[in-house]
Each structure stands twice: as structure tokens, then as C-alpha cells.
């Protein structure tokens, strides 16, 4: 595909080209120049960047964890692996009891 550059109009990447490249609205791209060749390369997010949707999901999870911690829904720290396993078995037994009550109706 060929486009004509105009002095007062910024360079526009045609929709079909963006679609074939997998670019979406909001994506960041880098322009790399080597001589008279221009490459447009998608800029990958750095390791510590998240999309707004990912950030909302992370924040929801953190808020839920903090709420459960304040309600006392936490375990540990444990001094030994045996202490951890004993707590795990106690909690598991509670779940098994609840299941039996529901199915016994």
C-alpha cells in the first residue's frame, strides 16, 4: 500500500495495515530510522507496566485479600511444615463437613 505525504498532514498508517500488523487503538509504537528506511515497531510494555484492565483486576485482588485478612481469614506463619500440614488438614476437615451437610438433605 502506498500513501502520499503532505506537508500539513501527519503521517497516517492505513487501517488495513494496522489491522494486518495487529495494532489496536491505544497501542504504543516506536519509529526507528536507518538511513532512508523507517520502521514502525510496537513498543512492548515494560515488565512493571500493566494495562488498565489488568491493573483493576490486580487492585481488586489486593483489596479482597486485605478485607479477608482484616476478617481474620488468614493462616500462619508456621514454624514447621508439620504445623502447616496440621492446619491444612483441620481446614480441609471443615470443608468436608460442610459438603456432607449439603448433600445429606
N, C-alpha and C. Protein backbone atom coordinates (compact mmCIF):
# COMPACT_ATOMS: atom_id res chain seq x y z
N UNK A 1 0.85 -1.17 0.00
CA UNK A 1 0.00 0.00 0.00
C UNK A 1 0.90 1.23 0.00
N UNK A 2 0.52 2.21 -0.75
CA UNK A 2 1.28 3.45 -0.86
C UNK A 2 0.42 4.62 -0.42
N UNK A 3 1.01 5.54 0.35
CA UNK A 3 0.31 6.76 0.73
C UNK A 3 1.19 7.93 0.32
N UNK A 4 0.57 9.09 0.11
CA UNK A 4 1.31 10.29 -0.28
C UNK A 4 1.45 11.19 0.93
N UNK A 5 2.68 11.61 1.23
CA UNK A 5 2.93 12.52 2.34
C UNK A 5 2.53 13.93 1.94
N UNK A 6 1.94 14.64 2.87
CA UNK A 6 1.57 16.03 2.64
C UNK A 6 2.20 16.87 3.73
N UNK A 7 2.54 18.10 3.41
CA UNK A 7 3.29 18.94 4.35
C UNK A 7 2.51 19.29 5.62
N UNK A 8 1.21 19.43 5.54
CA UNK A 8 0.45 19.87 6.71
C UNK A 8 -0.30 18.73 7.40
N UNK A 9 -0.20 17.51 6.90
CA UNK A 9 -0.93 16.39 7.47
C UNK A 9 0.06 15.39 8.05
N UNK A 10 -0.15 14.96 9.29
CA UNK A 10 0.75 13.95 9.85
C UNK A 10 0.63 12.63 9.08
N UNK A 11 1.65 11.83 9.18
CA UNK A 11 1.65 10.53 8.52
C UNK A 11 0.56 9.66 9.14
N UNK A 12 -0.24 9.05 8.30
CA UNK A 12 -1.33 8.19 8.76
C UNK A 12 -1.06 6.77 8.30
N UNK A 13 -1.14 5.84 9.22
CA UNK A 13 -0.99 4.43 8.86
C UNK A 13 -2.39 3.91 8.50
N UNK A 14 -2.56 3.42 7.29
CA UNK A 14 -3.88 2.95 6.86
C UNK A 14 -4.43 1.86 7.78
N UNK A 15 -5.74 1.85 7.94
CA UNK A 15 -6.40 0.90 8.84
C UNK A 15 -6.07 -0.55 8.49
N UNK A 16 -6.03 -0.87 7.21
CA UNK A 16 -5.73 -2.24 6.80
C UNK A 16 -4.34 -2.67 7.24
N UNK A 17 -3.38 -1.74 7.15
CA UNK A 17 -2.00 -2.04 7.56
C UNK A 17 -1.94 -2.26 9.07
N UNK A 18 -2.62 -1.37 9.83
CA UNK A 18 -2.66 -1.52 11.30
C UNK A 18 -3.27 -2.86 11.68
N UNK A 19 -4.37 -3.24 10.98
CA UNK A 19 -5.05 -4.49 11.28
C UNK A 19 -4.14 -5.68 10.99
N UNK A 20 -3.46 -5.67 9.85
CA UNK A 20 -2.57 -6.78 9.50
C UNK A 20 -1.41 -6.88 10.47
N UNK A 21 -0.97 -5.75 11.02
CA UNK A 21 0.14 -5.75 11.98
C UNK A 21 -0.34 -6.09 13.39
N UNK A 22 -1.66 -6.15 13.59
CA UNK A 22 -2.19 -6.46 14.91
C UNK A 22 -2.17 -5.29 15.87
N UNK A 23 -2.10 -4.08 15.34
CA UNK A 23 -2.09 -2.88 16.19
C UNK A 23 -3.52 -2.45 16.50
N UNK A 24 -3.73 -2.05 17.76
CA UNK A 24 -5.05 -1.59 18.18
C UNK A 24 -4.93 -0.17 18.69
N UNK A 25 -6.06 0.49 18.79
CA UNK A 25 -6.10 1.84 19.32
C UNK A 25 -5.53 1.83 20.74
N UNK A 26 -4.65 2.76 21.03
CA UNK A 26 -4.02 2.84 22.35
C UNK A 26 -2.67 2.16 22.43
N UNK A 27 -2.34 1.30 21.44
CA UNK A 27 -1.01 0.68 21.43
C UNK A 27 0.04 1.75 21.20
N UNK A 28 1.19 1.56 21.80
CA UNK A 28 2.31 2.48 21.56
C UNK A 28 3.24 1.86 20.54
N UNK A 29 3.78 2.70 19.67
CA UNK A 29 4.72 2.24 18.66
C UNK A 29 5.98 3.11 18.70
N UNK A 30 7.08 2.52 18.28
CA UNK A 30 8.35 3.25 18.17
C UNK A 30 8.67 3.42 16.69
N UNK A 31 9.23 4.57 16.35
CA UNK A 31 9.71 4.80 14.99
C UNK A 31 11.22 4.64 15.02
N UNK A 32 11.74 3.75 14.20
CA UNK A 32 13.18 3.53 14.11
C UNK A 32 13.64 3.88 12.70
N UNK A 33 14.68 4.67 12.64
CA UNK A 33 15.17 5.15 11.35
C UNK A 33 16.58 4.64 11.12
N UNK A 34 16.80 4.11 9.92
CA UNK A 34 18.12 3.68 9.50
C UNK A 34 18.28 4.13 8.05
N UNK A 35 19.06 5.20 7.86
CA UNK A 35 19.19 5.78 6.52
C UNK A 35 17.85 6.36 6.10
N UNK A 36 17.34 5.89 4.95
CA UNK A 36 16.04 6.37 4.47
C UNK A 36 14.93 5.36 4.75
N UNK A 37 15.20 4.40 5.64
CA UNK A 37 14.21 3.39 5.98
C UNK A 37 13.63 3.69 7.35
N UNK A 38 12.31 3.73 7.42
CA UNK A 38 11.60 3.96 8.69
C UNK A 38 10.87 2.67 9.04
N UNK A 39 11.13 2.19 10.24
CA UNK A 39 10.40 1.00 10.74
C UNK A 39 9.51 1.44 11.89
N UNK A 40 8.27 0.96 11.87
CA UNK A 40 7.33 1.23 12.96
C UNK A 40 7.19 -0.08 13.72
N UNK A 41 7.61 -0.05 14.98
CA UNK A 41 7.66 -1.27 15.79
C UNK A 41 6.78 -1.10 17.03
N UNK A 42 5.91 -2.08 17.32
CA UNK A 42 5.11 -1.99 18.55
C UNK A 42 6.03 -1.93 19.76
N UNK A 43 5.71 -1.04 20.69
CA UNK A 43 6.52 -0.93 21.90
C UNK A 43 5.92 -1.86 22.94
N UNK A 44 6.66 -2.90 23.33
CA UNK A 44 6.11 -3.81 24.34
C UNK A 44 6.11 -3.13 25.70
N UNK A 45 5.13 -3.44 26.54
CA UNK A 45 5.13 -2.84 27.88
C UNK A 45 6.31 -3.36 28.67
N UNK A 46 6.89 -2.51 29.51
CA UNK A 46 7.98 -2.96 30.35
C UNK A 46 7.43 -3.92 31.39
N UNK A 47 8.31 -4.62 32.06
CA UNK A 47 7.90 -5.68 33.00
C UNK A 47 6.98 -5.17 34.10
N UNK A 48 7.08 -3.91 34.47
CA UNK A 48 6.27 -3.41 35.58
C UNK A 48 5.04 -2.64 35.11
N UNK A 49 4.72 -2.68 33.82
CA UNK A 49 3.54 -1.98 33.32
C UNK A 49 2.40 -2.97 33.11
N UNK A 50 1.19 -2.53 33.41
CA UNK A 50 0.01 -3.34 33.18
C UNK A 50 -1.00 -2.51 32.41
N UNK A 51 -1.88 -3.21 31.71
CA UNK A 51 -2.97 -2.50 31.04
C UNK A 51 -3.93 -2.02 32.13
N UNK A 52 -4.76 -1.04 31.83
CA UNK A 52 -5.72 -0.58 32.84
C UNK A 52 -6.61 -1.72 33.35
N UNK A 53 -7.02 -2.63 32.48
CA UNK A 53 -7.87 -3.75 32.91
C UNK A 53 -7.10 -4.67 33.85
N UNK A 54 -5.83 -4.94 33.52
CA UNK A 54 -5.01 -5.78 34.39
C UNK A 54 -4.80 -5.11 35.75
N UNK A 55 -4.56 -3.81 35.74
CA UNK A 55 -4.34 -3.07 36.98
C UNK A 55 -5.59 -3.11 37.85
N UNK A 56 -6.79 -2.96 37.24
CA UNK A 56 -8.04 -3.04 38.01
C UNK A 56 -8.20 -4.42 38.64
N UNK A 57 -7.89 -5.48 37.88
CA UNK A 57 -8.00 -6.84 38.41
C UNK A 57 -7.03 -7.06 39.56
N UNK A 58 -5.82 -6.56 39.42
CA UNK A 58 -4.83 -6.69 40.49
C UNK A 58 -5.28 -5.94 41.73
N UNK A 59 -5.75 -4.72 41.54
CA UNK A 59 -6.22 -3.91 42.67
C UNK A 59 -7.41 -4.56 43.37
N UNK A 60 -8.33 -5.18 42.59
CA UNK A 60 -9.47 -5.88 43.19
C UNK A 60 -8.98 -7.04 44.05
N UNK A 61 -8.01 -7.79 43.53
CA UNK A 61 -7.48 -8.93 44.28
C UNK A 61 -6.81 -8.50 45.57
N UNK A 62 -6.05 -7.42 45.50
CA UNK A 62 -5.38 -6.91 46.70
C UNK A 62 -6.41 -6.44 47.72
N UNK A 63 -7.43 -5.72 47.27
CA UNK A 63 -8.47 -5.24 48.18
C UNK A 63 -9.19 -6.41 48.84
N UNK A 64 -9.49 -7.46 48.07
CA UNK A 64 -10.15 -8.64 48.62
C UNK A 64 -9.26 -9.32 49.65
N UNK A 65 -7.98 -9.44 49.37
CA UNK A 65 -7.05 -10.06 50.31
C UNK A 65 -6.97 -9.27 51.61
N UNK A 66 -6.89 -7.94 51.49
CA UNK A 66 -6.83 -7.10 52.69
C UNK A 66 -8.10 -7.24 53.52
N UNK A 67 -9.25 -7.31 52.86
CA UNK A 67 -10.53 -7.46 53.55
C UNK A 67 -10.56 -8.79 54.31
N UNK A 68 -10.15 -9.87 53.64
CA UNK A 68 -10.14 -11.19 54.29
C UNK A 68 -9.15 -11.22 55.44
N UNK A 69 -8.02 -10.55 55.30
CA UNK A 69 -7.03 -10.52 56.38
C UNK A 69 -7.61 -9.80 57.60
N UNK A 70 -8.30 -8.69 57.36
CA UNK A 70 -8.91 -7.94 58.47
C UNK A 70 -10.02 -8.75 59.14
N UNK A 71 -10.66 -9.65 58.41
CA UNK A 71 -11.70 -10.50 58.98
C UNK A 71 -11.11 -11.72 59.68
N UNK A 72 -9.78 -11.82 59.68
CA UNK A 72 -9.14 -12.95 60.35
C UNK A 72 -9.07 -14.21 59.51
N UNK A 73 -9.31 -14.08 58.22
CA UNK A 73 -9.27 -15.25 57.33
C UNK A 73 -7.85 -15.43 56.81
N UNK A 74 -6.96 -15.78 57.73
CA UNK A 74 -5.58 -16.00 57.33
C UNK A 74 -5.00 -17.14 58.14
N UNK A 75 -3.90 -17.64 57.73
CA UNK A 75 -3.23 -18.73 58.43
C UNK A 75 -1.74 -18.43 58.49
N UNK A 76 -1.10 -18.99 59.51
CA UNK A 76 0.35 -18.85 59.61
C UNK A 76 0.74 -17.55 60.26
N UNK A 77 1.99 -17.28 60.34
CA UNK A 77 3.10 -18.10 59.84
C UNK A 77 3.26 -19.38 60.67
N UNK A 78 3.83 -20.38 60.05
CA UNK A 78 4.03 -21.67 60.68
C UNK A 78 5.50 -21.87 60.97
N UNK A 79 5.78 -22.49 62.11
CA UNK A 79 7.18 -22.75 62.48
C UNK A 79 7.75 -23.95 61.73
N UNK A 80 6.88 -24.91 61.41
CA UNK A 80 7.36 -26.12 60.73
C UNK A 80 6.38 -26.51 59.63
N UNK A 81 6.84 -27.39 58.78
CA UNK A 81 5.97 -27.93 57.72
C UNK A 81 4.86 -28.76 58.35
N UNK A 82 5.16 -29.44 59.46
CA UNK A 82 4.15 -30.25 60.14
C UNK A 82 3.02 -29.35 60.67
N UNK A 83 3.37 -28.18 61.21
CA UNK A 83 2.35 -27.26 61.70
C UNK A 83 1.47 -26.78 60.55
N UNK A 84 2.09 -26.51 59.40
CA UNK A 84 1.32 -26.11 58.22
C UNK A 84 0.36 -27.22 57.80
N UNK A 85 0.87 -28.45 57.73
CA UNK A 85 0.03 -29.58 57.30
C UNK A 85 -1.11 -29.83 58.28
N UNK A 86 -0.84 -29.69 59.57
CA UNK A 86 -1.90 -29.88 60.57
C UNK A 86 -3.01 -28.85 60.35
N UNK A 87 -2.64 -27.60 60.13
CA UNK A 87 -3.64 -26.55 59.88
C UNK A 87 -4.40 -26.83 58.59
N UNK A 88 -3.69 -27.27 57.58
CA UNK A 88 -4.31 -27.59 56.30
C UNK A 88 -5.35 -28.70 56.46
N UNK A 89 -5.01 -29.73 57.22
CA UNK A 89 -5.94 -30.83 57.44
C UNK A 89 -7.16 -30.39 58.26
N UNK A 90 -6.95 -29.52 59.25
CA UNK A 90 -8.08 -29.00 60.03
C UNK A 90 -9.05 -28.24 59.13
N UNK A 91 -8.51 -27.35 58.31
CA UNK A 91 -9.36 -26.57 57.41
C UNK A 91 -10.05 -27.47 56.38
N UNK A 92 -9.35 -28.48 55.91
CA UNK A 92 -9.92 -29.41 54.94
C UNK A 92 -11.07 -30.20 55.56
N UNK A 93 -10.91 -30.58 56.81
CA UNK A 93 -11.98 -31.32 57.50
C UNK A 93 -13.23 -30.45 57.63
N UNK A 94 -13.04 -29.16 57.86
CA UNK A 94 -14.19 -28.26 57.94
C UNK A 94 -14.95 -28.23 56.61
N UNK A 95 -14.21 -28.20 55.51
CA UNK A 95 -14.85 -28.18 54.19
C UNK A 95 -15.59 -29.48 53.93
N UNK A 96 -15.00 -30.61 54.31
CA UNK A 96 -15.64 -31.90 54.11
C UNK A 96 -16.95 -31.98 54.89
N UNK A 97 -16.96 -31.43 56.12
CA UNK A 97 -18.17 -31.44 56.94
C UNK A 97 -19.27 -30.63 56.26
N UNK A 98 -18.93 -29.49 55.74
CA UNK A 98 -19.92 -28.65 55.07
C UNK A 98 -20.51 -29.36 53.86
N UNK A 99 -19.68 -30.05 53.10
CA UNK A 99 -20.17 -30.76 51.92
C UNK A 99 -21.15 -31.85 52.31
N UNK A 100 -20.85 -32.59 53.36
CA UNK A 100 -21.72 -33.69 53.77
C UNK A 100 -23.09 -33.16 54.21
N UNK A 101 -23.10 -32.01 54.89
CA UNK A 101 -24.36 -31.45 55.35
C UNK A 101 -25.23 -31.07 54.17
N UNK A 102 -24.63 -30.53 53.13
CA UNK A 102 -25.41 -30.09 51.97
C UNK A 102 -25.99 -31.28 51.21
N UNK A 103 -25.21 -32.34 51.08
CA UNK A 103 -25.66 -33.47 50.27
C UNK A 103 -26.59 -34.39 51.06
N UNK A 104 -26.67 -34.24 52.37
CA UNK A 104 -27.49 -35.12 53.18
C UNK A 104 -28.96 -34.73 53.21
N UNK A 105 -29.38 -33.72 52.50
CA UNK A 105 -30.77 -33.26 52.54
C UNK A 105 -31.71 -34.22 51.87
